[in-house]
């Protein structure tokens, strides 16, 4: 994907960020044995993590099981350069996220 971080950029990001990045960019999908397939560009994607249990066990007061919260990861970014305006880049990233966040009932404000 054009514009993806180059080797040195990735090294710097690894020093600055707290954890590993998950899906960054590219495509994902499947091929059928019939020769067909379905592919999607991985950009501004939303992923649900299913590795947590559906319900937490009863607490020490023997209260019934409490439903756990769902964990979703939503990714968006931008192409920041030496000529970028940081506030404009932030606003563009929020704009990119809005369609996904609206499905969760969240409308983040643009910076003022």
N, C-alpha and C. Protein backbone atom coordinates (compact mmCIF):
# COMPACT_ATOMS: atom_id res chain seq x y z
N UNK A 1 0.86 -1.17 0.00
CA UNK A 1 0.00 0.00 0.00
C UNK A 1 0.90 1.23 0.00
N UNK A 2 0.70 2.11 -0.93
CA UNK A 2 1.49 3.32 -1.03
C UNK A 2 1.30 4.17 0.22
N UNK A 3 2.37 4.69 0.75
CA UNK A 3 2.28 5.54 1.93
C UNK A 3 2.41 4.79 3.24
N UNK A 4 2.51 3.47 3.20
CA UNK A 4 2.67 2.71 4.44
C UNK A 4 4.03 3.06 5.05
N UNK A 5 4.12 3.02 6.38
CA UNK A 5 5.39 3.39 7.03
C UNK A 5 6.56 2.57 6.51
N UNK A 6 7.64 3.24 6.30
CA UNK A 6 8.85 2.57 5.87
C UNK A 6 9.60 2.04 7.10
N UNK A 7 10.65 1.28 6.87
CA UNK A 7 11.36 0.59 7.95
C UNK A 7 11.72 1.53 9.10
N UNK A 8 12.32 2.65 8.83
CA UNK A 8 12.74 3.57 9.90
C UNK A 8 11.54 4.15 10.64
N UNK A 9 10.47 4.45 9.90
CA UNK A 9 9.26 4.97 10.54
C UNK A 9 8.70 3.95 11.53
N UNK A 10 8.68 2.68 11.13
CA UNK A 10 8.18 1.63 12.00
C UNK A 10 9.07 1.51 13.25
N UNK A 11 10.36 1.62 13.09
CA UNK A 11 11.27 1.56 14.25
C UNK A 11 10.97 2.69 15.23
N UNK A 12 10.75 3.89 14.73
CA UNK A 12 10.44 5.04 15.59
C UNK A 12 9.10 4.83 16.28
N UNK A 13 8.09 4.37 15.53
CA UNK A 13 6.77 4.13 16.12
C UNK A 13 6.84 3.08 17.23
N UNK A 14 7.65 2.05 17.05
CA UNK A 14 7.79 1.02 18.08
C UNK A 14 8.36 1.60 19.37
N UNK A 15 9.22 2.61 19.27
CA UNK A 15 9.78 3.26 20.46
C UNK A 15 8.76 4.19 21.12
N UNK A 16 7.88 4.81 20.32
CA UNK A 16 6.95 5.80 20.83
C UNK A 16 5.65 5.21 21.37
N UNK A 17 5.19 4.10 20.79
CA UNK A 17 3.89 3.54 21.14
C UNK A 17 4.02 2.48 22.22
N UNK A 18 2.95 2.35 23.02
CA UNK A 18 2.96 1.43 24.16
C UNK A 18 2.84 -0.04 23.78
N UNK A 19 2.18 -0.35 22.69
CA UNK A 19 1.96 -1.75 22.34
C UNK A 19 2.12 -1.98 20.86
N UNK A 20 2.01 -3.25 20.48
CA UNK A 20 2.12 -3.59 19.07
C UNK A 20 0.88 -3.15 18.32
N UNK A 21 1.06 -2.75 17.09
CA UNK A 21 -0.07 -2.44 16.22
C UNK A 21 -0.64 -3.76 15.72
N UNK A 22 -1.93 -3.75 15.47
CA UNK A 22 -2.55 -4.94 14.89
C UNK A 22 -2.61 -4.73 13.39
N UNK A 23 -3.75 -4.99 12.77
CA UNK A 23 -3.87 -4.81 11.33
C UNK A 23 -3.59 -3.34 11.02
N UNK A 24 -2.69 -3.08 10.09
CA UNK A 24 -2.36 -1.70 9.74
C UNK A 24 -3.03 -1.30 8.43
N UNK A 25 -2.66 -1.98 7.36
CA UNK A 25 -3.26 -1.69 6.06
C UNK A 25 -2.99 -2.85 5.13
N UNK A 26 -3.64 -2.83 4.02
CA UNK A 26 -3.51 -3.90 3.04
C UNK A 26 -4.87 -4.41 2.65
N UNK A 27 -4.98 -5.70 2.38
CA UNK A 27 -6.25 -6.31 2.05
C UNK A 27 -6.40 -7.60 2.83
N UNK A 28 -7.64 -8.00 3.03
CA UNK A 28 -7.90 -9.31 3.58
C UNK A 28 -9.13 -9.87 2.90
N UNK A 29 -9.26 -11.18 2.90
CA UNK A 29 -10.40 -11.79 2.25
C UNK A 29 -10.18 -13.27 2.08
N UNK A 30 -10.87 -13.84 1.10
CA UNK A 30 -10.75 -15.27 0.87
C UNK A 30 -10.90 -15.57 -0.63
N UNK A 31 -10.36 -16.73 -1.02
CA UNK A 31 -10.52 -17.26 -2.37
C UNK A 31 -11.38 -18.50 -2.28
N UNK A 32 -12.32 -18.65 -3.20
CA UNK A 32 -13.15 -19.86 -3.27
C UNK A 32 -12.48 -20.88 -4.18
N UNK A 33 -12.77 -22.15 -3.95
CA UNK A 33 -12.23 -23.19 -4.83
C UNK A 33 -12.76 -23.03 -6.25
N UNK A 34 -13.89 -22.34 -6.42
CA UNK A 34 -14.45 -22.10 -7.74
C UNK A 34 -13.72 -20.99 -8.49
N UNK A 35 -12.80 -20.32 -7.80
CA UNK A 35 -12.05 -19.24 -8.44
C UNK A 35 -12.52 -17.86 -8.04
N UNK A 36 -13.64 -17.77 -7.37
CA UNK A 36 -14.14 -16.48 -6.90
C UNK A 36 -13.48 -16.09 -5.59
N UNK A 37 -13.89 -15.00 -5.04
CA UNK A 37 -13.36 -14.55 -3.76
C UNK A 37 -14.02 -13.26 -3.34
N UNK A 38 -13.66 -12.82 -2.19
CA UNK A 38 -14.17 -11.56 -1.67
C UNK A 38 -13.05 -10.89 -0.89
N UNK A 39 -12.73 -9.65 -1.25
CA UNK A 39 -11.59 -8.95 -0.67
C UNK A 39 -12.00 -7.56 -0.21
N UNK A 40 -11.34 -7.08 0.80
CA UNK A 40 -11.63 -5.76 1.33
C UNK A 40 -10.32 -5.05 1.67
N UNK A 41 -10.28 -3.75 1.44
CA UNK A 41 -9.11 -2.96 1.83
C UNK A 41 -9.18 -2.71 3.33
N UNK A 42 -8.09 -2.97 4.02
CA UNK A 42 -8.03 -2.77 5.46
C UNK A 42 -7.60 -1.34 5.75
N UNK A 43 -8.59 -0.48 5.89
CA UNK A 43 -8.36 0.91 6.24
C UNK A 43 -9.64 1.41 6.91
N UNK A 44 -9.50 2.10 8.02
CA UNK A 44 -10.66 2.52 8.81
C UNK A 44 -11.54 1.32 9.14
N UNK A 45 -10.94 0.27 9.65
CA UNK A 45 -11.64 -0.97 9.96
C UNK A 45 -11.96 -1.05 11.44
N UNK A 46 -12.93 -1.88 11.75
CA UNK A 46 -13.41 -2.05 13.12
C UNK A 46 -13.38 -3.54 13.42
N UNK A 47 -12.76 -3.93 14.53
CA UNK A 47 -12.62 -5.33 14.89
C UNK A 47 -13.14 -5.56 16.31
N UNK A 48 -13.92 -6.63 16.49
CA UNK A 48 -14.39 -7.01 17.81
C UNK A 48 -13.49 -8.13 18.32
N UNK A 49 -13.03 -7.97 19.56
CA UNK A 49 -12.21 -9.01 20.18
C UNK A 49 -13.12 -9.98 20.92
N UNK A 50 -13.10 -11.24 20.52
CA UNK A 50 -13.97 -12.25 21.11
C UNK A 50 -13.26 -13.12 22.13
N UNK A 51 -12.09 -12.74 22.58
CA UNK A 51 -11.36 -13.60 23.51
C UNK A 51 -11.75 -13.41 24.97
N UNK A 52 -12.73 -12.52 25.26
CA UNK A 52 -13.20 -12.37 26.63
C UNK A 52 -14.48 -13.19 26.78
N UNK A 53 -14.74 -13.69 28.00
CA UNK A 53 -15.94 -14.50 28.21
C UNK A 53 -17.21 -13.68 28.03
N UNK A 54 -18.32 -14.37 27.74
CA UNK A 54 -19.59 -13.67 27.56
C UNK A 54 -20.11 -13.09 28.86
N UNK A 55 -19.78 -13.71 29.97
CA UNK A 55 -20.23 -13.21 31.26
C UNK A 55 -19.15 -13.46 32.30
N UNK A 56 -19.08 -12.56 33.25
CA UNK A 56 -18.12 -12.72 34.33
C UNK A 56 -18.71 -13.65 35.38
N UNK A 57 -17.87 -14.38 36.13
CA UNK A 57 -18.40 -15.27 37.16
C UNK A 57 -19.04 -14.49 38.30
N UNK A 58 -19.87 -15.15 39.12
CA UNK A 58 -20.48 -14.44 40.25
C UNK A 58 -19.40 -13.83 41.14
N UNK A 59 -19.71 -12.69 41.74
CA UNK A 59 -18.74 -12.06 42.62
C UNK A 59 -18.78 -12.71 44.01
N UNK A 60 -18.00 -12.20 44.93
CA UNK A 60 -17.88 -12.81 46.26
C UNK A 60 -19.18 -12.76 47.05
N UNK A 61 -20.13 -11.89 46.68
CA UNK A 61 -21.43 -11.82 47.36
C UNK A 61 -22.45 -12.75 46.70
N UNK A 62 -21.97 -13.62 45.81
CA UNK A 62 -22.82 -14.57 45.09
C UNK A 62 -23.90 -13.90 44.26
N UNK A 63 -23.61 -12.69 43.76
CA UNK A 63 -24.53 -12.06 42.83
C UNK A 63 -24.48 -12.83 41.52
N UNK A 64 -25.56 -12.83 40.76
CA UNK A 64 -25.55 -13.57 39.49
C UNK A 64 -24.49 -13.02 38.54
N UNK A 65 -24.21 -13.79 37.53
CA UNK A 65 -23.20 -13.39 36.54
C UNK A 65 -23.54 -12.04 35.94
N UNK A 66 -22.53 -11.24 35.75
CA UNK A 66 -22.69 -9.92 35.13
C UNK A 66 -22.17 -10.01 33.70
N UNK A 67 -22.90 -9.42 32.75
CA UNK A 67 -22.40 -9.46 31.37
C UNK A 67 -21.10 -8.66 31.26
N UNK A 68 -20.18 -9.17 30.48
CA UNK A 68 -18.93 -8.44 30.28
C UNK A 68 -19.13 -7.38 29.20
N UNK A 69 -18.24 -6.43 29.16
CA UNK A 69 -18.31 -5.41 28.12
C UNK A 69 -17.60 -5.93 26.88
N UNK A 70 -18.04 -5.47 25.73
CA UNK A 70 -17.39 -5.84 24.48
C UNK A 70 -16.20 -4.93 24.25
N UNK A 71 -15.18 -5.46 23.61
CA UNK A 71 -14.00 -4.66 23.29
C UNK A 71 -13.85 -4.59 21.78
N UNK A 72 -13.84 -3.38 21.25
CA UNK A 72 -13.70 -3.14 19.83
C UNK A 72 -12.46 -2.29 19.58
N UNK A 73 -11.78 -2.53 18.49
CA UNK A 73 -10.66 -1.69 18.07
C UNK A 73 -11.04 -1.05 16.74
N UNK A 74 -10.90 0.25 16.68
CA UNK A 74 -11.22 1.00 15.48
C UNK A 74 -9.95 1.74 15.07
N UNK A 75 -9.53 1.57 13.85
CA UNK A 75 -8.30 2.20 13.40
C UNK A 75 -8.52 3.25 12.34
N UNK A 76 -7.78 4.31 12.43
CA UNK A 76 -7.75 5.35 11.39
C UNK A 76 -6.44 6.09 11.56
N UNK A 77 -6.01 6.74 10.53
CA UNK A 77 -4.76 7.47 10.62
C UNK A 77 -4.66 8.48 9.50
N UNK A 78 -3.49 8.97 9.31
CA UNK A 78 -3.27 9.96 8.27
C UNK A 78 -1.83 9.94 7.82
N UNK A 79 -1.57 10.71 6.81
CA UNK A 79 -0.22 10.81 6.26
C UNK A 79 0.41 12.10 6.74
N UNK A 80 1.05 12.05 7.88
CA UNK A 80 1.65 13.24 8.48
C UNK A 80 3.03 13.46 7.88
N UNK A 81 3.27 14.69 7.45
CA UNK A 81 4.56 15.07 6.88
C UNK A 81 5.08 16.31 7.61
N UNK A 82 6.26 16.74 7.22
CA UNK A 82 6.83 17.95 7.82
C UNK A 82 5.98 19.18 7.54
N UNK A 83 5.18 19.15 6.49
CA UNK A 83 4.33 20.29 6.12
C UNK A 83 2.92 20.18 6.71
N UNK A 84 2.63 19.11 7.45
CA UNK A 84 1.29 18.91 8.00
C UNK A 84 0.96 19.91 9.09
N UNK A 85 -0.32 20.27 9.15
CA UNK A 85 -0.86 21.07 10.24
C UNK A 85 -1.44 20.06 11.24
N UNK A 86 -0.86 19.94 12.44
CA UNK A 86 -1.31 18.90 13.39
C UNK A 86 -2.81 18.94 13.68
N UNK A 87 -3.39 20.12 13.84
CA UNK A 87 -4.82 20.22 14.13
C UNK A 87 -5.65 19.74 12.94
N UNK A 88 -5.24 20.10 11.74
CA UNK A 88 -5.97 19.66 10.54
C UNK A 88 -5.87 18.15 10.36
N UNK A 89 -4.71 17.58 10.66
CA UNK A 89 -4.53 16.12 10.57
C UNK A 89 -5.44 15.41 11.58
N UNK A 90 -5.52 15.95 12.80
CA UNK A 90 -6.39 15.38 13.83
C UNK A 90 -7.85 15.43 13.36
N UNK A 91 -8.28 16.59 12.86
CA UNK A 91 -9.66 16.73 12.39
C UNK A 91 -9.96 15.75 11.26
N UNK A 92 -9.00 15.54 10.36
CA UNK A 92 -9.21 14.60 9.26
C UNK A 92 -9.35 13.17 9.79
N UNK A 93 -8.54 12.81 10.78
CA UNK A 93 -8.64 11.46 11.35
C UNK A 93 -9.99 11.26 12.03
N UNK A 94 -10.45 12.26 12.79
CA UNK A 94 -11.75 12.17 13.46
C UNK A 94 -12.86 12.05 12.42
N UNK A 95 -12.77 12.81 11.34
CA UNK A 95 -13.76 12.74 10.27
C UNK A 95 -13.82 11.33 9.69
N UNK A 96 -12.66 10.72 9.47
CA UNK A 96 -12.59 9.35 8.95
C UNK A 96 -13.25 8.36 9.91
N UNK A 97 -13.12 8.60 11.20
CA UNK A 97 -13.67 7.68 12.21
C UNK A 97 -15.17 7.83 12.42
N UNK A 98 -15.73 8.99 12.09
CA UNK A 98 -17.11 9.29 12.47
C UNK A 98 -18.12 8.26 11.98
N UNK A 99 -18.00 7.76 10.77
CA UNK A 99 -19.00 6.82 10.28
C UNK A 99 -19.01 5.54 11.10
N UNK A 100 -17.84 5.07 11.51
CA UNK A 100 -17.77 3.87 12.33
C UNK A 100 -18.24 4.17 13.75
N UNK A 101 -17.82 5.30 14.31
CA UNK A 101 -18.20 5.63 15.68
C UNK A 101 -19.70 5.87 15.81
N UNK A 102 -20.33 6.40 14.76
CA UNK A 102 -21.78 6.64 14.80
C UNK A 102 -22.54 5.34 15.01
N UNK A 103 -22.01 4.21 14.49
CA UNK A 103 -22.70 2.94 14.68
C UNK A 103 -22.68 2.51 16.14
N UNK A 104 -21.80 3.10 16.94
CA UNK A 104 -21.74 2.85 18.38
C UNK A 104 -22.43 3.96 19.18
N UNK A 105 -23.05 4.91 18.48
CA UNK A 105 -23.71 6.02 19.15
C UNK A 105 -22.77 7.08 19.67
N UNK A 106 -21.58 7.17 19.08
CA UNK A 106 -20.56 8.12 19.52
C UNK A 106 -20.33 9.14 18.41
N UNK A 107 -20.36 10.42 18.75
CA UNK A 107 -20.05 11.47 17.79
C UNK A 107 -18.96 12.35 18.40
N UNK A 108 -17.69 12.08 18.06
CA UNK A 108 -16.62 12.89 18.63
C UNK A 108 -16.60 14.28 18.03
N UNK A 109 -16.34 15.28 18.84
CA UNK A 109 -16.27 16.65 18.30
C UNK A 109 -14.95 16.86 17.58
N UNK A 110 -14.99 17.71 16.56
CA UNK A 110 -13.74 18.13 15.93
C UNK A 110 -13.07 19.11 16.86
N UNK A 111 -11.75 19.22 16.76
CA UNK A 111 -11.05 20.16 17.63
C UNK A 111 -11.47 21.58 17.25
N UNK A 112 -11.40 22.49 18.23
CA UNK A 112 -11.86 23.85 17.98
C UNK A 112 -10.71 24.80 17.78
